[in-house]
Amino acid sequence: MSIVVTGATGHLGRHVVEQLLEKVPAERITAVVRDEAKAAGLAARGVKLAVADYNVPETFDGLFAPGDKVLLISGNEFDKGRVGQHTVVIEAAKAAGVALLAYTSAPGTLTAALADDHRATEQVLLASGLPYSLLRNGWYHENYTENLAPVLEHGAVVAAAGDGRVSSAARADYAAAAVAVLTGEGHENTTYELGGDEAWSFAEYAAELSRQTGREIVYNPVPVEALTGILTGAGVPAPVAGILAGVDASIEKGELVVSSGDLSRLTGRPTTPLAQAVTAALKG
């Protein structure tokens, strides 16, 4: 029986594999990748590699084995039909008779367009009859802290979220929850609403940046349409810019506040504070 991780060289996938290596022998882990060269470091540590592409269904033929536990990390190709991509994996997993398929979804409260593919994938997974675990991941600290250059350049955090709050956590926290599900027992047919312990506002985020940089960073709330224009002006494709701005609109409505406590309960520790992520980003 293997633990199989799709998208294993992506931002979240790398964290998952790294943390799995701390818990199970490397030969029990299979990393599904599109580019074998990007996974050379994992192979060198004894992780099995499987080369497959969501867009080429036959590459998943025979990839899974009976009893495997699979983590399906949602794709990020918004323009290539993510539900169809995910369905390829689900159907291959069903054909193999895997013991569990965990899927990284979005919070159940999120109504933004970003959530549409996730809800549709959840329906496909539930209809498949596979034992499942829905890991409804909230927002990542890194969605903000990895894009600090323009914030620091202009001295402003720009968002279309009003006074809305976000229960974000670090990618490593969400990875730890996935590892707990993949290596633990009793997670069949479960849904976890995952988010950080402390929700924060963009004004508080700007204040934290000011504190840590010693410079005045202000929060500049803008309408959704203005943010869409700013993003497209910065080179973000229009459909993606619309999706991101739509998330801000959902934040203003409180849809990314996750108060279940599931994330810290699954990992057995508090989630990473935003301030800690800011510190790490500024050092980097």
C-alpha atoms as a PDB file:
ATOM      1  CA  MET A   1       0.000   0.000   0.000  1.00  0.00           C
ATOM      2  CA  SER A   2       1.334   3.405  -1.010  1.00  0.00           C
ATOM      3  CA  ILE A   3       0.456   6.931  -0.065  1.00  0.00           C
ATOM      4  CA  VAL A   4       0.126   8.700  -3.407  1.00  0.00           C
ATOM      5  CA  VAL A   5       0.380  12.499  -3.710  1.00  0.00           C
ATOM      6  CA  THR A   6      -0.607  14.240  -6.946  1.00  0.00           C
ATOM      7  CA  GLY A   7       0.934  17.607  -7.805  1.00  0.00           C
ATOM      8  CA  ALA A   8       3.850  16.566  -5.622  1.00  0.00           C
ATOM      9  CA  THR A   9       6.276  19.229  -6.861  1.00  0.00           C
ATOM     10  CA  GLY A  10       3.806  22.082  -6.372  1.00  0.00           C
ATOM     11  CA  HIS A  11       3.867  24.500  -3.435  1.00  0.00           C
ATOM     12  CA  LEU A  12       1.554  22.416  -1.232  1.00  0.00           C
ATOM     13  CA  GLY A  13       2.630  19.024  -2.579  1.00  0.00           C
ATOM     14  CA  ARG A  14       6.269  19.554  -1.621  1.00  0.00           C
ATOM     15  CA  HIS A  15       5.261  20.301   1.962  1.00  0.00           C
ATOM     16  CA  VAL A  16       3.095  17.177   2.067  1.00  0.00           C
ATOM     17  CA  VAL A  17       5.853  14.878   0.781  1.00  0.00           C
ATOM     18  CA  GLU A  18       8.443  16.429   3.117  1.00  0.00           C
ATOM     19  CA  GLN A  19       6.179  15.847   6.111  1.00  0.00           C
ATOM     20  CA  LEU A  20       5.253  12.325   4.992  1.00  0.00           C
ATOM     21  CA  LEU A  21       8.962  11.476   4.909  1.00  0.00           C
ATOM     22  CA  GLU A  22       9.070  12.253   8.635  1.00  0.00           C
ATOM     23  CA  LYS A  23       6.303   9.713   9.317  1.00  0.00           C
ATOM     24  CA  VAL A  24       6.553   6.804   6.879  1.00  0.00           C
ATOM     25  CA  PRO A  25       9.351   5.045   4.931  1.00  0.00           C
ATOM     26  CA  ALA A  26      10.161   6.751   1.624  1.00  0.00           C
ATOM     27  CA  GLU A  27       9.345   3.615  -0.381  1.00  0.00           C
ATOM     28  CA  ARG A  28       5.736   3.873   0.789  1.00  0.00           C
ATOM     29  CA  ILE A  29       5.345   7.299  -0.822  1.00  0.00           C
ATOM     30  CA  THR A  30       4.555   7.825  -4.503  1.00  0.00           C
ATOM     31  CA  ALA A  31       4.919  11.337  -5.880  1.00  0.00           C
ATOM     32  CA  VAL A  32       2.846  11.994  -9.011  1.00  0.00           C
ATOM     33  CA  VAL A  33       4.598  14.616 -11.145  1.00  0.00           C
ATOM     34  CA  ARG A  34       4.464  15.971 -14.672  1.00  0.00           C
ATOM     35  CA  ASP A  35       8.167  16.760 -14.874  1.00  0.00           C
ATOM     36  CA  GLU A  36      10.402  14.007 -13.540  1.00  0.00           C
ATOM     37  CA  ALA A  37      13.416  16.340 -13.451  1.00  0.00           C
ATOM     38  CA  LYS A  38      11.679  18.608 -10.908  1.00  0.00           C
ATOM     39  CA  ALA A  39      11.317  15.613  -8.577  1.00  0.00           C
ATOM     40  CA  ALA A  40      14.908  14.385  -8.781  1.00  0.00           C
ATOM     41  CA  GLY A  41      15.515  15.415  -5.183  1.00  0.00           C
ATOM     42  CA  LEU A  42      12.583  13.325  -3.990  1.00  0.00           C
ATOM     43  CA  ALA A  43      13.701  10.309  -6.021  1.00  0.00           C
ATOM     44  CA  ALA A  44      17.159  10.603  -4.486  1.00  0.00           C
ATOM     45  CA  ARG A  45      15.558  10.240  -1.055  1.00  0.00           C
ATOM     46  CA  GLY A  46      13.809   7.021  -2.062  1.00  0.00           C
ATOM     47  CA  VAL A  47      10.364   8.382  -2.967  1.00  0.00           C
ATOM     48  CA  LYS A  48       8.757   6.536  -5.879  1.00  0.00           C
ATOM     49  CA  LEU A  49       7.917   8.738  -8.852  1.00  0.00           C
ATOM     50  CA  ALA A  50       4.984   8.361 -11.217  1.00  0.00           C
ATOM     51  CA  VAL A  51       4.862  10.644 -14.248  1.00  0.00           C
ATOM     52  CA  ALA A  52       1.290  11.602 -15.124  1.00  0.00           C
ATOM     53  CA  ASP A  53      -0.646  14.610 -16.382  1.00  0.00           C
ATOM     54  CA  TYR A  54      -4.232  15.555 -15.478  1.00  0.00           C
ATOM     55  CA  ASN A  55      -4.700  16.506 -19.149  1.00  0.00           C
ATOM     56  CA  VAL A  56      -3.631  13.071 -20.442  1.00  0.00           C
ATOM     57  CA  PRO A  57      -6.017  10.568 -18.813  1.00  0.00           C
ATOM     58  CA  GLU A  58      -4.202   7.439 -19.991  1.00  0.00           C
ATOM     59  CA  THR A  59      -1.136   8.439 -17.955  1.00  0.00           C
ATOM     60  CA  PHE A  60      -3.120   7.511 -14.845  1.00  0.00           C
ATOM     61  CA  ASP A  61      -3.892   3.982 -16.098  1.00  0.00           C
ATOM     62  CA  GLY A  62      -2.503   1.520 -13.558  1.00  0.00           C
ATOM     63  CA  LEU A  63      -0.951   4.272 -11.468  1.00  0.00           C
ATOM     64  CA  PHE A  64      -2.927   3.407  -8.323  1.00  0.00           C
ATOM     65  CA  ALA A  65      -3.121   0.057  -6.534  1.00  0.00           C
ATOM     66  CA  PRO A  66      -5.791  -1.483  -4.274  1.00  0.00           C
ATOM     67  CA  GLY A  67      -5.517  -0.108  -0.751  1.00  0.00           C
ATOM     68  CA  ASP A  68      -3.575   3.037  -1.675  1.00  0.00           C
ATOM     69  CA  LYS A  69      -4.368   6.290   0.076  1.00  0.00           C
ATOM     70  CA  VAL A  70      -4.419   9.153  -2.421  1.00  0.00           C
ATOM     71  CA  LEU A  71      -4.146  12.905  -1.969  1.00  0.00           C
ATOM     72  CA  LEU A  72      -5.631  14.722  -4.951  1.00  0.00           C
ATOM     73  CA  ILE A  73      -4.248  18.253  -4.822  1.00  0.00           C
ATOM     74  CA  SER A  74      -6.512  20.480  -6.882  1.00  0.00           C
ATOM     75  CA  GLY A  75      -5.009  21.721 -10.145  1.00  0.00           C
ATOM     76  CA  ASN A  76      -4.248  25.380 -10.791  1.00  0.00           C
ATOM     77  CA  GLU A  77      -4.941  25.493 -14.531  1.00  0.00           C
ATOM     78  CA  PHE A  78      -8.157  27.480 -14.358  1.00  0.00           C
ATOM     79  CA  ASP A  79      -8.449  27.527 -18.146  1.00  0.00           C
ATOM     80  CA  LYS A  80      -8.195  23.767 -18.731  1.00  0.00           C
ATOM     81  CA  GLY A  81     -11.318  22.457 -17.045  1.00  0.00           C
ATOM     82  CA  ARG A  82     -10.204  21.544 -13.548  1.00  0.00           C
ATOM     83  CA  VAL A  83     -13.256  19.387 -12.815  1.00  0.00           C
ATOM     84  CA  GLY A  84     -12.459  17.209 -15.822  1.00  0.00           C
ATOM     85  CA  GLN A  85      -8.834  16.976 -14.713  1.00  0.00           C
ATOM     86  CA  HIS A  86      -9.822  15.925 -11.201  1.00  0.00           C
ATOM     87  CA  THR A  87     -12.358  13.422 -12.557  1.00  0.00           C
ATOM     88  CA  VAL A  88      -9.527  11.635 -14.403  1.00  0.00           C
ATOM     89  CA  VAL A  89      -7.816  10.986 -11.064  1.00  0.00           C
ATOM     90  CA  ILE A  90     -11.023  10.013  -9.258  1.00  0.00           C
ATOM     91  CA  GLU A  91     -11.986   7.509 -11.959  1.00  0.00           C
ATOM     92  CA  ALA A  92      -8.508   5.950 -11.959  1.00  0.00           C
ATOM     93  CA  ALA A  93      -8.619   5.699  -8.164  1.00  0.00           C
ATOM     94  CA  LYS A  94     -12.039   4.067  -8.285  1.00  0.00           C
ATOM     95  CA  ALA A  95     -10.904   1.550 -10.903  1.00  0.00           C
ATOM     96  CA  ALA A  96      -7.974   0.582  -8.678  1.00  0.00           C
ATOM     97  CA  GLY A  97      -9.996   0.287  -5.489  1.00  0.00           C
ATOM     98  CA  VAL A  98      -8.026   2.730  -3.344  1.00  0.00           C
ATOM     99  CA  ALA A  99      -8.705   2.841   0.394  1.00  0.00           C
ATOM    100  CA  LEU A 100      -9.111   6.622   0.619  1.00  0.00           C
ATOM    101  CA  LEU A 101      -9.075   9.641  -1.672  1.00  0.00           C
ATOM    102  CA  ALA A 102      -8.495  12.977   0.067  1.00  0.00           C
ATOM    103  CA  TYR A 103      -9.154  16.126  -1.959  1.00  0.00           C
ATOM    104  CA  THR A 104      -7.943  19.658  -1.263  1.00  0.00           C
ATOM    105  CA  SER A 105     -11.107  21.693  -1.657  1.00  0.00           C
ATOM    106  CA  ALA A 106     -12.279  25.158  -0.551  1.00  0.00           C
ATOM    107  CA  PRO A 107     -14.247  26.224   2.537  1.00  0.00           C
ATOM    108  CA  GLY A 108     -17.912  25.279   2.415  1.00  0.00           C
ATOM    109  CA  THR A 109     -18.863  28.903   3.123  1.00  0.00           C
ATOM    110  CA  LEU A 110     -17.058  30.223   0.018  1.00  0.00           C
ATOM    111  CA  THR A 111     -19.445  31.269  -2.783  1.00  0.00           C
ATOM    112  CA  ALA A 112     -16.862  32.988  -5.033  1.00  0.00           C
ATOM    113  CA  ALA A 113     -16.317  31.576  -8.526  1.00  0.00           C
ATOM    114  CA  LEU A 114     -13.080  30.008  -7.234  1.00  0.00           C
ATOM    115  CA  ALA A 115     -15.211  27.526  -5.284  1.00  0.00           C
ATOM    116  CA  ASP A 116     -17.269  26.324  -8.272  1.00  0.00           C
ATOM    117  CA  ASP A 117     -14.709  23.782  -9.494  1.00  0.00           C
ATOM    118  CA  HIS A 118     -14.215  22.528  -5.952  1.00  0.00           C
ATOM    119  CA  ARG A 119     -17.930  21.992  -5.326  1.00  0.00           C
ATOM    120  CA  ALA A 120     -18.280  20.194  -8.655  1.00  0.00           C
ATOM    121  CA  THR A 121     -15.257  17.982  -7.901  1.00  0.00           C
ATOM    122  CA  GLU A 122     -16.702  17.130  -4.497  1.00  0.00           C
ATOM    123  CA  GLN A 123     -19.894  15.982  -6.226  1.00  0.00           C
ATOM    124  CA  VAL A 124     -17.914  13.749  -8.599  1.00  0.00           C
ATOM    125  CA  LEU A 125     -15.991  12.271  -5.662  1.00  0.00           C
ATOM    126  CA  LEU A 126     -19.099  11.602  -3.588  1.00  0.00           C
ATOM    127  CA  ALA A 127     -20.869  10.044  -6.570  1.00  0.00           C
ATOM    128  CA  SER A 128     -17.895   7.728  -7.172  1.00  0.00           C
ATOM    129  CA  GLY A 129     -18.557   5.784  -3.997  1.00  0.00           C
ATOM    130  CA  LEU A 130     -14.880   5.994  -2.997  1.00  0.00           C
ATOM    131  CA  PRO A 131     -14.027   6.453   0.678  1.00  0.00           C
ATOM    132  CA  TYR A 132     -13.225  10.157   0.761  1.00  0.00           C
ATOM    133  CA  SER A 133     -11.941  12.976   2.916  1.00  0.00           C
ATOM    134  CA  LEU A 134     -12.704  16.547   1.891  1.00  0.00           C
ATOM    135  CA  LEU A 135      -9.923  18.848   3.073  1.00  0.00           C
ATOM    136  CA  ARG A 136     -11.593  22.212   2.627  1.00  0.00           C
ATOM    137  CA  ASN A 137      -8.497  24.382   2.809  1.00  0.00           C
ATOM    138  CA  GLY A 138      -8.906  28.037   3.667  1.00  0.00           C
ATOM    139  CA  TRP A 139      -6.626  30.751   2.363  1.00  0.00           C
ATOM    140  CA  TYR A 140      -2.838  30.510   2.646  1.00  0.00           C
ATOM    141  CA  HIS A 141      -0.667  33.135   4.371  1.00  0.00           C
ATOM    142  CA  GLU A 142       1.633  32.773   1.381  1.00  0.00           C
ATOM    143  CA  ASN A 143      -1.042  34.139  -0.956  1.00  0.00           C
ATOM    144  CA  TYR A 144      -0.085  37.475   0.579  1.00  0.00           C
ATOM    145  CA  THR A 145       3.416  37.115   2.000  1.00  0.00           C
ATOM    146  CA  GLU A 146       4.882  35.810  -1.270  1.00  0.00           C
ATOM    147  CA  ASN A 147       3.780  39.007  -3.035  1.00  0.00           C
ATOM    148  CA  LEU A 148       5.222  41.663  -0.763  1.00  0.00           C
ATOM    149  CA  ALA A 149       7.343  43.497  -3.354  1.00  0.00           C
ATOM    150  CA  PRO A 150       4.579  45.799  -4.681  1.00  0.00           C
ATOM    151  CA  VAL A 151       3.216  46.317  -1.151  1.00  0.00           C
ATOM    152  CA  LEU A 152       6.602  47.483   0.106  1.00  0.00           C
ATOM    153  CA  GLU A 153       7.244  49.519  -3.041  1.00  0.00           C
ATOM    154  CA  HIS A 154       3.999  51.482  -2.742  1.00  0.00           C
ATOM    155  CA  GLY A 155       3.608  51.376   1.048  1.00  0.00           C
ATOM    156  CA  ALA A 156       0.101  50.011   0.690  1.00  0.00           C
ATOM    157  CA  VAL A 157      -1.895  46.815   0.979  1.00  0.00           C
ATOM    158  CA  VAL A 158      -4.544  46.982  -1.740  1.00  0.00           C
ATOM    159  CA  ALA A 159      -7.597  44.705  -1.518  1.00  0.00           C
ATOM    160  CA  ALA A 160     -11.293  44.723  -2.320  1.00  0.00           C
ATOM    161  CA  ALA A 161     -12.216  43.099   0.970  1.00  0.00           C
ATOM    162  CA  GLY A 162     -13.495  46.031   3.026  1.00  0.00           C
ATOM    163  CA  ASP A 163     -13.307  45.191   6.723  1.00  0.00           C
ATOM    164  CA  GLY A 164     -13.602  41.452   6.055  1.00  0.00           C
ATOM    165  CA  ARG A 165     -11.453  38.979   7.922  1.00  0.00           C
ATOM    166  CA  VAL A 166      -9.447  35.949   6.757  1.00  0.00           C
ATOM    167  CA  SER A 167      -8.666  32.754   8.714  1.00  0.00           C
ATOM    168  CA  SER A 168      -5.490  32.013   6.784  1.00  0.00           C
ATOM    169  CA  ALA A 169      -2.758  29.567   7.777  1.00  0.00           C
ATOM    170  CA  ALA A 170       0.596  28.485   6.406  1.00  0.00           C
ATOM    171  CA  ARG A 171       0.856  25.947   3.589  1.00  0.00           C
ATOM    172  CA  ALA A 172       2.809  23.760   6.013  1.00  0.00           C
ATOM    173  CA  ASP A 173      -0.216  23.731   8.342  1.00  0.00           C
ATOM    174  CA  TYR A 174      -2.565  22.499   5.613  1.00  0.00           C
ATOM    175  CA  ALA A 175       0.056  19.946   4.562  1.00  0.00           C
ATOM    176  CA  ALA A 176       0.227  18.663   8.132  1.00  0.00           C
ATOM    177  CA  ALA A 177      -3.547  18.167   8.142  1.00  0.00           C
ATOM    178  CA  ALA A 178      -3.344  16.182   4.898  1.00  0.00           C
ATOM    179  CA  VAL A 179      -0.537  14.046   6.342  1.00  0.00           C
ATOM    180  CA  ALA A 180      -2.605  13.374   9.473  1.00  0.00           C
ATOM    181  CA  VAL A 181      -5.466  12.121   7.298  1.00  0.00           C
ATOM    182  CA  LEU A 182      -3.214  10.052   5.018  1.00  0.00           C
ATOM    183  CA  THR A 183      -1.315   8.378   7.853  1.00  0.00           C
ATOM    184  CA  GLY A 184      -4.082   8.124  10.448  1.00  0.00           C
ATOM    185  CA  GLU A 185      -7.184   5.988  10.833  1.00  0.00           C
ATOM    186  CA  GLY A 186     -10.879   6.751  10.787  1.00  0.00           C
ATOM    187  CA  HIS A 187     -10.845   9.538   8.205  1.00  0.00           C
ATOM    188  CA  GLU A 188     -13.099   7.794   5.668  1.00  0.00           C
ATOM    189  CA  ASN A 189     -16.094   9.860   4.508  1.00  0.00           C
ATOM    190  CA  THR A 190     -15.145  12.991   6.438  1.00  0.00           C
ATOM    191  CA  THR A 191     -15.272  16.701   5.702  1.00  0.00           C
ATOM    192  CA  TYR A 192     -12.860  19.074   7.414  1.00  0.00           C
ATOM    193  CA  GLU A 193     -13.257  22.856   7.331  1.00  0.00           C
ATOM    194  CA  LEU A 194      -9.666  24.053   7.619  1.00  0.00           C
ATOM    195  CA  GLY A 195      -8.445  27.517   8.541  1.00  0.00           C
ATOM    196  CA  GLY A 196      -6.137  29.398  10.860  1.00  0.00           C
ATOM    197  CA  ASP A 197      -6.859  29.855  14.552  1.00  0.00           C
ATOM    198  CA  GLU A 198      -6.911  33.661  14.296  1.00  0.00           C
ATOM    199  CA  ALA A 199      -8.817  35.609  11.657  1.00  0.00           C
ATOM    200  CA  TRP A 200      -7.285  38.946  10.646  1.00  0.00           C
ATOM    201  CA  SER A 201      -8.321  42.024   8.677  1.00  0.00           C
ATOM    202  CA  PHE A 202      -6.308  43.746   5.961  1.00  0.00           C
ATOM    203  CA  ALA A 203      -5.922  46.803   8.200  1.00  0.00           C
ATOM    204  CA  GLU A 204      -4.329  44.517  10.810  1.00  0.00           C
ATOM    205  CA  TYR A 205      -2.127  42.956   8.129  1.00  0.00           C
ATOM    206  CA  ALA A 206      -0.928  46.413   7.037  1.00  0.00           C
ATOM    207  CA  ALA A 207      -0.260  47.309  10.684  1.00  0.00           C
ATOM    208  CA  GLU A 208       1.805  44.129  11.137  1.00  0.00           C
ATOM    209  CA  LEU A 209       3.841  44.929   8.029  1.00  0.00           C
ATOM    210  CA  SER A 210       4.399  48.445   9.371  1.00  0.00           C
ATOM    211  CA  ARG A 211       5.549  47.055  12.724  1.00  0.00           C
ATOM    212  CA  GLN A 212       8.001  44.607  11.194  1.00  0.00           C
ATOM    213  CA  THR A 213       9.432  46.904   8.495  1.00  0.00           C
ATOM    214  CA  GLY A 214       9.491  50.113  10.528  1.00  0.00           C
ATOM    215  CA  ARG A 215       7.759  51.834   7.615  1.00  0.00           C
ATOM    216  CA  GLU A 216       4.226  53.111   7.256  1.00  0.00           C
ATOM    217  CA  ILE A 217       2.176  50.588   5.296  1.00  0.00           C
ATOM    218  CA  VAL A 218      -1.482  51.548   4.871  1.00  0.00           C
ATOM    219  CA  TYR A 219      -4.505  49.512   3.860  1.00  0.00           C
ATOM    220  CA  ASN A 220      -6.128  50.857   0.726  1.00  0.00           C
ATOM    221  CA  PRO A 221      -9.568  49.275   0.211  1.00  0.00           C
ATOM    222  CA  VAL A 222     -10.790  49.477  -3.396  1.00  0.00           C
ATOM    223  CA  PRO A 223     -13.885  48.273  -5.275  1.00  0.00           C
ATOM    224  CA  VAL A 224     -13.791  44.831  -6.920  1.00  0.00           C
ATOM    225  CA  GLU A 225     -13.695  46.366 -10.410  1.00  0.00           C
ATOM    226  CA  ALA A 226     -10.691  48.506  -9.496  1.00  0.00           C
ATOM    227  CA  LEU A 227      -8.792  45.536  -8.098  1.00  0.00           C
ATOM    228  CA  THR A 228      -9.527  43.535 -11.250  1.00  0.00           C
ATOM    229  CA  GLY A 229      -8.038  46.383 -13.296  1.00  0.00           C
ATOM    230  CA  ILE A 230      -4.966  46.615 -11.061  1.00  0.00           C
ATOM    231  CA  LEU A 231      -4.341  42.879 -11.377  1.00  0.00           C
ATOM    232  CA  THR A 232      -4.759  42.779 -15.152  1.00  0.00           C
ATOM    233  CA  GLY A 233      -2.498  45.839 -15.391  1.00  0.00           C
ATOM    234  CA  ALA A 234       0.126  43.848 -13.500  1.00  0.00           C
ATOM    235  CA  GLY A 235      -0.080  41.066 -16.082  1.00  0.00           C
ATOM    236  CA  VAL A 236      -2.561  38.703 -14.418  1.00  0.00           C
ATOM    237  CA  PRO A 237      -4.811  37.093 -17.076  1.00  0.00           C
ATOM    238  CA  ALA A 238      -8.285  38.644 -16.980  1.00  0.00           C
ATOM    239  CA  PRO A 239     -10.161  35.446 -15.983  1.00  0.00           C
ATOM    240  CA  VAL A 240      -7.744  34.812 -13.092  1.00  0.00           C
ATOM    241  CA  ALA A 241      -7.885  38.470 -12.020  1.00  0.00           C
ATOM    242  CA  GLY A 242     -11.671  38.205 -11.891  1.00  0.00           C
ATOM    243  CA  ILE A 243     -11.477  35.066  -9.754  1.00  0.00           C
ATOM    244  CA  LEU A 244      -9.018  36.670  -7.311  1.00  0.00           C
ATOM    245  CA  ALA A 245     -11.070  39.842  -7.002  1.00  0.00           C
ATOM    246  CA  GLY A 246     -14.137  37.681  -6.447  1.00  0.00           C
ATOM    247  CA  VAL A 247     -12.424  36.063  -3.483  1.00  0.00           C
ATOM    248  CA  ASP A 248     -11.920  39.516  -1.952  1.00  0.00           C
ATOM    249  CA  ALA A 249     -15.643  40.164  -2.328  1.00  0.00           C
ATOM    250  CA  SER A 250     -16.274  36.901  -0.461  1.00  0.00           C
ATOM    251  CA  ILE A 251     -13.814  37.953   2.253  1.00  0.00           C
ATOM    252  CA  GLU A 252     -15.804  41.147   2.785  1.00  0.00           C
ATOM    253  CA  LYS A 253     -18.891  38.951   3.352  1.00  0.00           C
ATOM    254  CA  GLY A 254     -17.047  36.850   5.926  1.00  0.00           C
ATOM    255  CA  GLU A 255     -16.839  33.733   3.767  1.00  0.00           C
ATOM    256  CA  LEU A 256     -13.169  33.025   4.509  1.00  0.00           C
ATOM    257  CA  VAL A 257     -13.563  33.051   8.276  1.00  0.00           C
ATOM    258  CA  VAL A 258     -13.248  29.396   9.333  1.00  0.00           C
ATOM    259  CA  SER A 259     -14.000  28.847  13.007  1.00  0.00           C
ATOM    260  CA  SER A 260     -14.265  25.039  13.137  1.00  0.00           C
ATOM    261  CA  GLY A 261     -10.888  24.470  14.806  1.00  0.00           C
ATOM    262  CA  ASP A 262     -10.430  21.433  12.514  1.00  0.00           C
ATOM    263  CA  LEU A 263      -6.958  22.449  11.316  1.00  0.00           C
ATOM    264  CA  SER A 264      -5.289  22.717  14.718  1.00  0.00           C
ATOM    265  CA  ARG A 265      -7.237  19.660  15.912  1.00  0.00           C
ATOM    266  CA  LEU A 266      -5.992  17.511  13.002  1.00  0.00           C
ATOM    267  CA  THR A 267      -2.388  18.673  13.330  1.00  0.00           C
ATOM    268  CA  GLY A 268      -2.322  18.615  17.111  1.00  0.00           C
ATOM    269  CA  ARG A 269      -0.824  22.106  17.352  1.00  0.00           C
ATOM    270  CA  PRO A 270      -1.792  25.765  16.913  1.00  0.00           C
ATOM    271  CA  THR A 271      -1.698  27.116  13.377  1.00  0.00           C
ATOM    272  CA  THR A 272       1.165  29.390  12.257  1.00  0.00           C
ATOM    273  CA  PRO A 273       0.436  33.036  13.127  1.00  0.00           C
ATOM    274  CA  LEU A 274       0.353  35.526  10.246  1.00  0.00           C
ATOM    275  CA  ALA A 275       3.070  37.575  11.966  1.00  0.00           C
ATOM    276  CA  GLN A 276       5.423  34.589  11.790  1.00  0.00           C
ATOM    277  CA  ALA A 277       4.781  34.217   8.048  1.00  0.00           C
ATOM    278  CA  VAL A 278       5.463  37.917   7.546  1.00  0.00           C
ATOM    279  CA  THR A 279       8.768  37.604   9.416  1.00  0.00           C
ATOM    280  CA  ALA A 280       9.825  34.649   7.281  1.00  0.00           C
ATOM    281  CA  ALA A 281       8.888  36.468   4.058  1.00  0.00           C
ATOM    282  CA  LEU A 282      10.787  39.621   4.980  1.00  0.00           C
ATOM    283  CA  LYS A 283      13.889  37.572   5.799  1.00  0.00           C
ATOM    284  CA  GLY A 284      13.611  35.721   2.493  1.00  0.00           C
END
